[in-house]
């Protein structure tokens, strides 16, 4: 019996702790599933890179309640997300849209990589051409060098 209890405790502690409280769960399973699906893409504004379902912060709880309130009011998924984004800004999305000002952020990384590769290629090309052997000394230059070395 003790082994079963220990196994049960181990299994429960190994599963992720969901921050969604029982009083937040909607009675309609379809609406609750939609709320869970939407909240996977919403960021807790207090805990960085954590969904609102995973966060214990009070603001995350407020966002969960607001989302469920909007869905209960009849909003579509897109409407509920748009309402939350309008209210809290695009930072609330775990995966921001790739348009407008965000497009600069999406393109900055690849652009910097390409610029770095181009700079490295130019550097290596110049280094290779500058390392080429020089032309041999002329007879006059050879005589002058010999004179300098003798003195």
C-alpha atoms as a PDB file:
ATOM      1  CA  UNK A   1       0.000   0.000   0.000  1.00  0.00           C
ATOM      2  CA  UNK A   2       2.840   2.389   0.845  1.00  0.00           C
ATOM      3  CA  UNK A   3       4.432   1.646  -2.518  1.00  0.00           C
ATOM      4  CA  UNK A   4       1.235   2.664  -4.339  1.00  0.00           C
ATOM      5  CA  UNK A   5       1.021   5.906  -2.379  1.00  0.00           C
ATOM      6  CA  UNK A   6       4.658   6.693  -3.073  1.00  0.00           C
ATOM      7  CA  UNK A   7       4.156   5.926  -6.762  1.00  0.00           C
ATOM      8  CA  UNK A   8       1.070   8.144  -6.899  1.00  0.00           C
ATOM      9  CA  UNK A   9       2.909  11.018  -5.218  1.00  0.00           C
ATOM     10  CA  UNK A  10       5.850  10.604  -7.620  1.00  0.00           C
ATOM     11  CA  UNK A  11       3.552  10.641 -10.642  1.00  0.00           C
ATOM     12  CA  UNK A  12       1.661  13.690  -9.457  1.00  0.00           C
ATOM     13  CA  UNK A  13       4.828  15.609  -8.687  1.00  0.00           C
ATOM     14  CA  UNK A  14       6.295  14.737 -12.111  1.00  0.00           C
ATOM     15  CA  UNK A  15       3.380  16.254 -14.010  1.00  0.00           C
ATOM     16  CA  UNK A  16       3.459  19.980 -14.730  1.00  0.00           C
ATOM     17  CA  UNK A  17       1.682  22.132 -12.204  1.00  0.00           C
ATOM     18  CA  UNK A  18      -1.151  23.977 -13.884  1.00  0.00           C
ATOM     19  CA  UNK A  19      -1.933  27.363 -12.455  1.00  0.00           C
ATOM     20  CA  UNK A  20      -5.566  27.293 -13.603  1.00  0.00           C
ATOM     21  CA  UNK A  21      -7.665  27.228 -10.471  1.00  0.00           C
ATOM     22  CA  UNK A  22     -10.795  25.057 -10.226  1.00  0.00           C
ATOM     23  CA  UNK A  23     -12.992  28.153  -9.871  1.00  0.00           C
ATOM     24  CA  UNK A  24     -11.720  29.405 -13.249  1.00  0.00           C
ATOM     25  CA  UNK A  25     -12.669  26.300 -15.229  1.00  0.00           C
ATOM     26  CA  UNK A  26     -15.746  26.758 -17.406  1.00  0.00           C
ATOM     27  CA  UNK A  27     -18.674  24.374 -17.074  1.00  0.00           C
ATOM     28  CA  UNK A  28     -18.874  23.885 -20.849  1.00  0.00           C
ATOM     29  CA  UNK A  29     -16.051  21.513 -21.865  1.00  0.00           C
ATOM     30  CA  UNK A  30     -15.970  22.889 -25.430  1.00  0.00           C
ATOM     31  CA  UNK A  31     -15.501  26.462 -24.187  1.00  0.00           C
ATOM     32  CA  UNK A  32     -12.874  25.326 -21.697  1.00  0.00           C
ATOM     33  CA  UNK A  33     -10.988  23.516 -24.462  1.00  0.00           C
ATOM     34  CA  UNK A  34     -11.088  26.685 -26.593  1.00  0.00           C
ATOM     35  CA  UNK A  35      -9.849  28.736 -23.628  1.00  0.00           C
ATOM     36  CA  UNK A  36      -6.976  26.320 -23.027  1.00  0.00           C
ATOM     37  CA  UNK A  37      -6.098  26.326 -26.718  1.00  0.00           C
ATOM     38  CA  UNK A  38      -6.021  30.122 -26.886  1.00  0.00           C
ATOM     39  CA  UNK A  39      -4.122  30.515 -23.627  1.00  0.00           C
ATOM     40  CA  UNK A  40      -1.268  28.376 -24.995  1.00  0.00           C
ATOM     41  CA  UNK A  41      -0.394  31.340 -27.203  1.00  0.00           C
ATOM     42  CA  UNK A  42      -0.772  34.042 -24.542  1.00  0.00           C
ATOM     43  CA  UNK A  43       2.208  35.147 -22.471  1.00  0.00           C
ATOM     44  CA  UNK A  44       2.082  35.981 -18.806  1.00  0.00           C
ATOM     45  CA  UNK A  45       3.153  39.610 -18.604  1.00  0.00           C
ATOM     46  CA  UNK A  46       4.866  39.033 -15.252  1.00  0.00           C
ATOM     47  CA  UNK A  47       6.608  35.703 -15.917  1.00  0.00           C
ATOM     48  CA  UNK A  48       8.592  35.918 -19.129  1.00  0.00           C
ATOM     49  CA  UNK A  49       7.947  33.243 -21.755  1.00  0.00           C
ATOM     50  CA  UNK A  50       5.415  31.386 -19.656  1.00  0.00           C
ATOM     51  CA  UNK A  51       1.842  30.872 -20.780  1.00  0.00           C
ATOM     52  CA  UNK A  52      -0.967  32.299 -18.697  1.00  0.00           C
ATOM     53  CA  UNK A  53      -2.061  28.758 -17.856  1.00  0.00           C
ATOM     54  CA  UNK A  54       1.371  27.930 -16.422  1.00  0.00           C
ATOM     55  CA  UNK A  55       1.751  31.099 -14.373  1.00  0.00           C
ATOM     56  CA  UNK A  56       0.649  31.645 -10.790  1.00  0.00           C
ATOM     57  CA  UNK A  57       0.834  35.448 -11.116  1.00  0.00           C
ATOM     58  CA  UNK A  58      -2.330  37.395 -10.331  1.00  0.00           C
ATOM     59  CA  UNK A  59      -2.151  39.153 -13.707  1.00  0.00           C
ATOM     60  CA  UNK A  60      -2.106  35.768 -15.445  1.00  0.00           C
ATOM     61  CA  UNK A  61      -5.194  34.811 -13.460  1.00  0.00           C
ATOM     62  CA  UNK A  62      -6.863  38.039 -14.568  1.00  0.00           C
ATOM     63  CA  UNK A  63      -6.008  37.231 -18.186  1.00  0.00           C
ATOM     64  CA  UNK A  64      -7.395  33.700 -17.837  1.00  0.00           C
ATOM     65  CA  UNK A  65     -10.633  35.057 -16.368  1.00  0.00           C
ATOM     66  CA  UNK A  66     -10.866  37.768 -19.029  1.00  0.00           C
ATOM     67  CA  UNK A  67     -10.357  35.218 -21.798  1.00  0.00           C
ATOM     68  CA  UNK A  68     -13.038  32.924 -20.403  1.00  0.00           C
ATOM     69  CA  UNK A  69     -15.376  35.889 -19.930  1.00  0.00           C
ATOM     70  CA  UNK A  70     -14.947  36.888 -23.584  1.00  0.00           C
ATOM     71  CA  UNK A  71     -15.548  33.332 -24.795  1.00  0.00           C
ATOM     72  CA  UNK A  72     -18.633  33.017 -22.615  1.00  0.00           C
ATOM     73  CA  UNK A  73     -19.899  36.305 -24.057  1.00  0.00           C
ATOM     74  CA  UNK A  74     -19.802  34.723 -27.514  1.00  0.00           C
ATOM     75  CA  UNK A  75     -16.535  36.048 -28.958  1.00  0.00           C
ATOM     76  CA  UNK A  76     -14.742  33.964 -31.537  1.00  0.00           C
ATOM     77  CA  UNK A  77     -11.180  32.895 -30.810  1.00  0.00           C
ATOM     78  CA  UNK A  78      -9.833  35.680 -33.043  1.00  0.00           C
ATOM     79  CA  UNK A  79     -12.068  38.271 -31.368  1.00  0.00           C
ATOM     80  CA  UNK A  80     -10.977  37.223 -27.889  1.00  0.00           C
ATOM     81  CA  UNK A  81      -7.301  37.355 -28.860  1.00  0.00           C
ATOM     82  CA  UNK A  82      -7.769  40.732 -30.560  1.00  0.00           C
ATOM     83  CA  UNK A  83      -9.480  42.115 -27.447  1.00  0.00           C
ATOM     84  CA  UNK A  84      -6.615  40.998 -25.203  1.00  0.00           C
ATOM     85  CA  UNK A  85      -3.977  42.297 -27.646  1.00  0.00           C
ATOM     86  CA  UNK A  86      -5.758  45.659 -27.874  1.00  0.00           C
ATOM     87  CA  UNK A  87      -5.836  45.875 -24.111  1.00  0.00           C
ATOM     88  CA  UNK A  88      -2.334  44.603 -23.233  1.00  0.00           C
ATOM     89  CA  UNK A  89      -0.332  45.065 -26.431  1.00  0.00           C
ATOM     90  CA  UNK A  90       1.210  42.589 -28.803  1.00  0.00           C
ATOM     91  CA  UNK A  91       3.749  41.537 -26.189  1.00  0.00           C
ATOM     92  CA  UNK A  92       1.035  39.318 -24.699  1.00  0.00           C
ATOM     93  CA  UNK A  93       1.371  36.986 -27.710  1.00  0.00           C
ATOM     94  CA  UNK A  94       4.009  34.276 -27.319  1.00  0.00           C
ATOM     95  CA  UNK A  95       4.427  34.241 -31.105  1.00  0.00           C
ATOM     96  CA  UNK A  96       4.048  37.851 -32.335  1.00  0.00           C
ATOM     97  CA  UNK A  97       2.777  38.545 -35.821  1.00  0.00           C
ATOM     98  CA  UNK A  98       5.305  39.115 -38.607  1.00  0.00           C
ATOM     99  CA  UNK A  99       3.966  42.371 -40.013  1.00  0.00           C
ATOM    100  CA  UNK A 100       4.408  46.100 -39.484  1.00  0.00           C
ATOM    101  CA  UNK A 101       7.175  47.075 -37.087  1.00  0.00           C
ATOM    102  CA  UNK A 102       7.603  43.457 -36.003  1.00  0.00           C
ATOM    103  CA  UNK A 103       8.692  42.610 -39.537  1.00  0.00           C
ATOM    104  CA  UNK A 104      11.911  44.520 -38.852  1.00  0.00           C
ATOM    105  CA  UNK A 105      12.542  42.323 -35.812  1.00  0.00           C
ATOM    106  CA  UNK A 106      11.787  39.139 -37.730  1.00  0.00           C
ATOM    107  CA  UNK A 107      14.169  40.130 -40.540  1.00  0.00           C
ATOM    108  CA  UNK A 108      16.949  41.658 -38.411  1.00  0.00           C
ATOM    109  CA  UNK A 109      18.446  38.323 -37.343  1.00  0.00           C
ATOM    110  CA  UNK A 110      18.803  36.816 -40.837  1.00  0.00           C
ATOM    111  CA  UNK A 111      19.978  40.180 -42.201  1.00  0.00           C
ATOM    112  CA  UNK A 112      22.725  40.387 -39.563  1.00  0.00           C
ATOM    113  CA  UNK A 113      23.778  36.816 -40.337  1.00  0.00           C
ATOM    114  CA  UNK A 114      24.037  37.600 -44.059  1.00  0.00           C
ATOM    115  CA  UNK A 115      25.958  40.827 -43.340  1.00  0.00           C
ATOM    116  CA  UNK A 116      28.387  38.946 -41.077  1.00  0.00           C
ATOM    117  CA  UNK A 117      28.966  36.233 -43.680  1.00  0.00           C
ATOM    118  CA  UNK A 118      29.535  38.863 -46.389  1.00  0.00           C
ATOM    119  CA  UNK A 119      32.030  40.718 -44.171  1.00  0.00           C
ATOM    120  CA  UNK A 120      33.898  37.490 -43.412  1.00  0.00           C
ATOM    121  CA  UNK A 121      34.016  36.581 -47.113  1.00  0.00           C
ATOM    122  CA  UNK A 122      35.390  40.017 -48.044  1.00  0.00           C
ATOM    123  CA  UNK A 123      37.999  39.813 -45.286  1.00  0.00           C
ATOM    124  CA  UNK A 124      39.148  36.374 -46.405  1.00  0.00           C
ATOM    125  CA  UNK A 125      39.264  37.451 -50.052  1.00  0.00           C
ATOM    126  CA  UNK A 126      41.393  40.520 -49.250  1.00  0.00           C
ATOM    127  CA  UNK A 127      43.670  38.493 -47.025  1.00  0.00           C
ATOM    128  CA  UNK A 128      44.233  35.941 -49.777  1.00  0.00           C
ATOM    129  CA  UNK A 129      45.075  38.582 -52.402  1.00  0.00           C
ATOM    130  CA  UNK A 130      47.374  40.513 -50.070  1.00  0.00           C
ATOM    131  CA  UNK A 131      49.257  37.331 -49.173  1.00  0.00           C
ATOM    132  CA  UNK A 132      50.189  36.762 -52.827  1.00  0.00           C
ATOM    133  CA  UNK A 133      53.961  36.876 -53.409  1.00  0.00           C
ATOM    134  CA  UNK A 134      55.326  40.197 -54.578  1.00  0.00           C
ATOM    135  CA  UNK A 135      57.156  40.623 -57.881  1.00  0.00           C
ATOM    136  CA  UNK A 136      60.889  39.908 -57.725  1.00  0.00           C
ATOM    137  CA  UNK A 137      63.295  42.831 -57.251  1.00  0.00           C
ATOM    138  CA  UNK A 138      64.731  44.489 -60.302  1.00  0.00           C
ATOM    139  CA  UNK A 139      68.510  44.567 -60.862  1.00  0.00           C
ATOM    140  CA  UNK A 140      68.720  48.150 -59.601  1.00  0.00           C
ATOM    141  CA  UNK A 141      66.733  47.309 -56.470  1.00  0.00           C
ATOM    142  CA  UNK A 142      68.914  44.273 -55.804  1.00  0.00           C
ATOM    143  CA  UNK A 143      72.110  46.386 -56.051  1.00  0.00           C
ATOM    144  CA  UNK A 144      70.633  49.084 -53.785  1.00  0.00           C
ATOM    145  CA  UNK A 145      69.607  46.451 -51.183  1.00  0.00           C
ATOM    146  CA  UNK A 146      73.100  44.978 -51.236  1.00  0.00           C
ATOM    147  CA  UNK A 147      74.579  48.444 -50.634  1.00  0.00           C
ATOM    148  CA  UNK A 148      72.267  49.060 -47.692  1.00  0.00           C
ATOM    149  CA  UNK A 149      73.056  45.705 -46.103  1.00  0.00           C
ATOM    150  CA  UNK A 150      76.838  46.263 -46.443  1.00  0.00           C
ATOM    151  CA  UNK A 151      76.691  49.499 -44.462  1.00  0.00           C
END
